[in-house]
């Protein structure tokens, strides 16, 4: 089941971050944790991105082939967990 998340995509050389909508297969999620680095470094950019000041970011690690991939998404780990759990309940 696919879960819709909002990813924070950063430029290769630390350019301006931007928001990107992603759909992730919930069965490929390995872990979700607080992204303390993003919470500290993106505080100034939150208004530019159209987010509220008290937004929280999480690091989601997904299984992509043989290599795990880490992405930063908008929302706390608990919010991400609820989205994944809700999709599993509605699965059928």
C-alpha atoms as a PDB file:
ATOM      1  CA  UNK A   1       0.000   0.000   0.000  1.00  0.00           C
ATOM      2  CA  UNK A   2       1.336   3.414  -0.936  1.00  0.00           C
ATOM      3  CA  UNK A   3       1.634   6.183   1.643  1.00  0.00           C
ATOM      4  CA  UNK A   4       1.756   9.847   0.586  1.00  0.00           C
ATOM      5  CA  UNK A   5       4.501  11.859   2.292  1.00  0.00           C
ATOM      6  CA  UNK A   6       6.040  15.295   1.759  1.00  0.00           C
ATOM      7  CA  UNK A   7       9.804  15.030   1.295  1.00  0.00           C
ATOM      8  CA  UNK A   8      12.289  17.831   1.861  1.00  0.00           C
ATOM      9  CA  UNK A   9      14.659  17.709  -1.070  1.00  0.00           C
ATOM     10  CA  UNK A  10      17.944  19.568  -0.758  1.00  0.00           C
ATOM     11  CA  UNK A  11      20.247  20.628  -3.532  1.00  0.00           C
ATOM     12  CA  UNK A  12      23.451  18.718  -4.134  1.00  0.00           C
ATOM     13  CA  UNK A  13      25.591  21.523  -2.760  1.00  0.00           C
ATOM     14  CA  UNK A  14      23.306  22.568   0.082  1.00  0.00           C
ATOM     15  CA  UNK A  15      21.087  24.752  -2.058  1.00  0.00           C
ATOM     16  CA  UNK A  16      17.616  25.915  -1.136  1.00  0.00           C
ATOM     17  CA  UNK A  17      15.451  23.029   0.022  1.00  0.00           C
ATOM     18  CA  UNK A  18      12.122  22.356  -1.661  1.00  0.00           C
ATOM     19  CA  UNK A  19       9.056  20.255  -0.953  1.00  0.00           C
ATOM     20  CA  UNK A  20       8.305  17.197  -3.060  1.00  0.00           C
ATOM     21  CA  UNK A  21       5.341  14.840  -2.857  1.00  0.00           C
ATOM     22  CA  UNK A  22       6.364  11.172  -2.711  1.00  0.00           C
ATOM     23  CA  UNK A  23       4.430   7.917  -2.516  1.00  0.00           C
ATOM     24  CA  UNK A  24       6.189   5.119  -0.658  1.00  0.00           C
ATOM     25  CA  UNK A  25       5.251   1.470  -0.400  1.00  0.00           C
ATOM     26  CA  UNK A  26       4.607   1.077   3.330  1.00  0.00           C
ATOM     27  CA  UNK A  27       6.067  -2.449   3.256  1.00  0.00           C
ATOM     28  CA  UNK A  28       9.455  -0.987   2.236  1.00  0.00           C
ATOM     29  CA  UNK A  29       9.772   1.302   5.265  1.00  0.00           C
ATOM     30  CA  UNK A  30      12.577   0.098   7.528  1.00  0.00           C
ATOM     31  CA  UNK A  31      12.460   2.796  10.206  1.00  0.00           C
ATOM     32  CA  UNK A  32      11.176   6.271  11.069  1.00  0.00           C
ATOM     33  CA  UNK A  33      12.993   8.541  13.517  1.00  0.00           C
ATOM     34  CA  UNK A  34      13.330  12.197  14.477  1.00  0.00           C
ATOM     35  CA  UNK A  35      15.614  14.069  12.093  1.00  0.00           C
ATOM     36  CA  UNK A  36      17.359  16.327  14.582  1.00  0.00           C
ATOM     37  CA  UNK A  37      19.727  17.752  11.959  1.00  0.00           C
ATOM     38  CA  UNK A  38      16.851  18.812   9.699  1.00  0.00           C
ATOM     39  CA  UNK A  39      14.915  20.227  12.651  1.00  0.00           C
ATOM     40  CA  UNK A  40      17.887  22.493  13.440  1.00  0.00           C
ATOM     41  CA  UNK A  41      19.014  23.450   9.934  1.00  0.00           C
ATOM     42  CA  UNK A  42      15.609  23.998   8.312  1.00  0.00           C
ATOM     43  CA  UNK A  43      14.126  26.326  10.955  1.00  0.00           C
ATOM     44  CA  UNK A  44      14.934  29.414   8.851  1.00  0.00           C
ATOM     45  CA  UNK A  45      13.532  27.920   5.637  1.00  0.00           C
ATOM     46  CA  UNK A  46      10.194  26.700   7.024  1.00  0.00           C
ATOM     47  CA  UNK A  47       8.325  29.917   6.189  1.00  0.00           C
ATOM     48  CA  UNK A  48       9.848  30.022   2.703  1.00  0.00           C
ATOM     49  CA  UNK A  49       8.623  26.473   2.156  1.00  0.00           C
ATOM     50  CA  UNK A  50       5.112  27.415   3.295  1.00  0.00           C
ATOM     51  CA  UNK A  51       5.282  25.421   6.533  1.00  0.00           C
ATOM     52  CA  UNK A  52       4.337  26.464  10.058  1.00  0.00           C
ATOM     53  CA  UNK A  53       7.046  27.476  12.510  1.00  0.00           C
ATOM     54  CA  UNK A  54       6.554  24.471  14.788  1.00  0.00           C
ATOM     55  CA  UNK A  55       6.901  21.848  12.039  1.00  0.00           C
ATOM     56  CA  UNK A  56       8.877  18.679  12.803  1.00  0.00           C
ATOM     57  CA  UNK A  57      10.881  16.578  10.369  1.00  0.00           C
ATOM     58  CA  UNK A  58      11.490  12.828  10.388  1.00  0.00           C
ATOM     59  CA  UNK A  59      14.032  10.601   8.732  1.00  0.00           C
ATOM     60  CA  UNK A  60      12.440   7.661   6.902  1.00  0.00           C
ATOM     61  CA  UNK A  61      14.680   4.812   5.833  1.00  0.00           C
ATOM     62  CA  UNK A  62      13.273   2.722   3.014  1.00  0.00           C
ATOM     63  CA  UNK A  63      14.451  -0.485   1.382  1.00  0.00           C
ATOM     64  CA  UNK A  64      15.362   0.327  -2.217  1.00  0.00           C
ATOM     65  CA  UNK A  65      16.738  -2.758  -3.890  1.00  0.00           C
ATOM     66  CA  UNK A  66      19.766  -3.920  -1.921  1.00  0.00           C
ATOM     67  CA  UNK A  67      20.513  -0.452  -0.540  1.00  0.00           C
ATOM     68  CA  UNK A  68      18.620   1.434   2.173  1.00  0.00           C
ATOM     69  CA  UNK A  69      17.721   5.012   1.249  1.00  0.00           C
ATOM     70  CA  UNK A  70      17.156   7.807   3.751  1.00  0.00           C
ATOM     71  CA  UNK A  71      14.741  10.675   3.090  1.00  0.00           C
ATOM     72  CA  UNK A  72      13.631  13.606   5.245  1.00  0.00           C
ATOM     73  CA  UNK A  73       9.874  14.108   5.418  1.00  0.00           C
ATOM     74  CA  UNK A  74       7.487  16.559   7.051  1.00  0.00           C
ATOM     75  CA  UNK A  75       5.891  15.227  10.231  1.00  0.00           C
ATOM     76  CA  UNK A  76       6.828  13.547  13.476  1.00  0.00           C
ATOM     77  CA  UNK A  77       7.571   9.819  13.629  1.00  0.00           C
ATOM     78  CA  UNK A  78       4.189   9.328  15.349  1.00  0.00           C
ATOM     79  CA  UNK A  79       2.388  11.131  12.495  1.00  0.00           C
ATOM     80  CA  UNK A  80       4.177   9.017   9.892  1.00  0.00           C
ATOM     81  CA  UNK A  81       3.336   5.846  11.842  1.00  0.00           C
ATOM     82  CA  UNK A  82      -0.366   6.834  11.937  1.00  0.00           C
ATOM     83  CA  UNK A  83      -0.393   7.364   8.167  1.00  0.00           C
ATOM     84  CA  UNK A  84       1.167   3.956   7.552  1.00  0.00           C
ATOM     85  CA  UNK A  85      -1.083   2.213  10.077  1.00  0.00           C
ATOM     86  CA  UNK A  86      -4.207   3.908   8.656  1.00  0.00           C
ATOM     87  CA  UNK A  87      -3.360   2.681   5.155  1.00  0.00           C
ATOM     88  CA  UNK A  88      -2.874  -0.861   6.438  1.00  0.00           C
ATOM     89  CA  UNK A  89      -6.250  -0.825   8.213  1.00  0.00           C
ATOM     90  CA  UNK A  90      -8.034   0.487   5.120  1.00  0.00           C
ATOM     91  CA  UNK A  91      -6.327  -2.107   2.931  1.00  0.00           C
ATOM     92  CA  UNK A  92      -9.331  -4.321   3.012  1.00  0.00           C
END
